[in-house]
Amino acid sequence: MDRIMPIDLERAQLKKSLRGYAVREVDPLLRAASESLQTAVVEVDQLKQELDRTRSELETMRSLERTLRDALVLAQQAADETRASAHRQAEAILEEARQTVATERNEHLQRLAEIRWESDRIRLEKQRFYDDFRSTLDRYLREISPAPLTVVKGDVAATGS
């Protein structure tokens, strides 16, 4: 059976019989039923439209949720990659600093060794100078010592040939 519409109730042509219906009672009832059915049809149409809007909004929200979820996943991945990159950079910086410290330490140790060597060389040169100077002084003293010394009122004077 097809759906009954309000117009169907309004146009209903009921046969009258001897024991038929009371027109004064049935016609107002049919009108009231028609109006009530019309109101129900309008409400159903409004509810269908609202349902369509709600479904559309729901799909929009689901799409937005998927987009947000994807964005969060991408943001987490980017954060993880950034963190990993920062750790790699920090390790590289530390390694470079270790290498620099080791290089500078080696350079300083080498410079210290050079300074010690130079100090030892200067000490030996000084000792040689003292030894040479002493020997020169000794030679000069030997050369001047054969002449006898004479003391003249607080002064020492050499006498001789």
Foldseek 3Di string as FASTA:
>chain_A
DDDDALVCLQPPDDDADPPGDDCVPVNVVSNVVSVVRNVVVVVVVVVVVVVVVVVVVVVVVVVVVVVVVVVVVVVVVVVVVVVVVVVVVVVVVVVVVVVVVVVVVVVVVVVVVVVVVVVVVVVVVVVVVVVVVVVVVVVVCVVPVVFDWDDDPNDIDTDDD
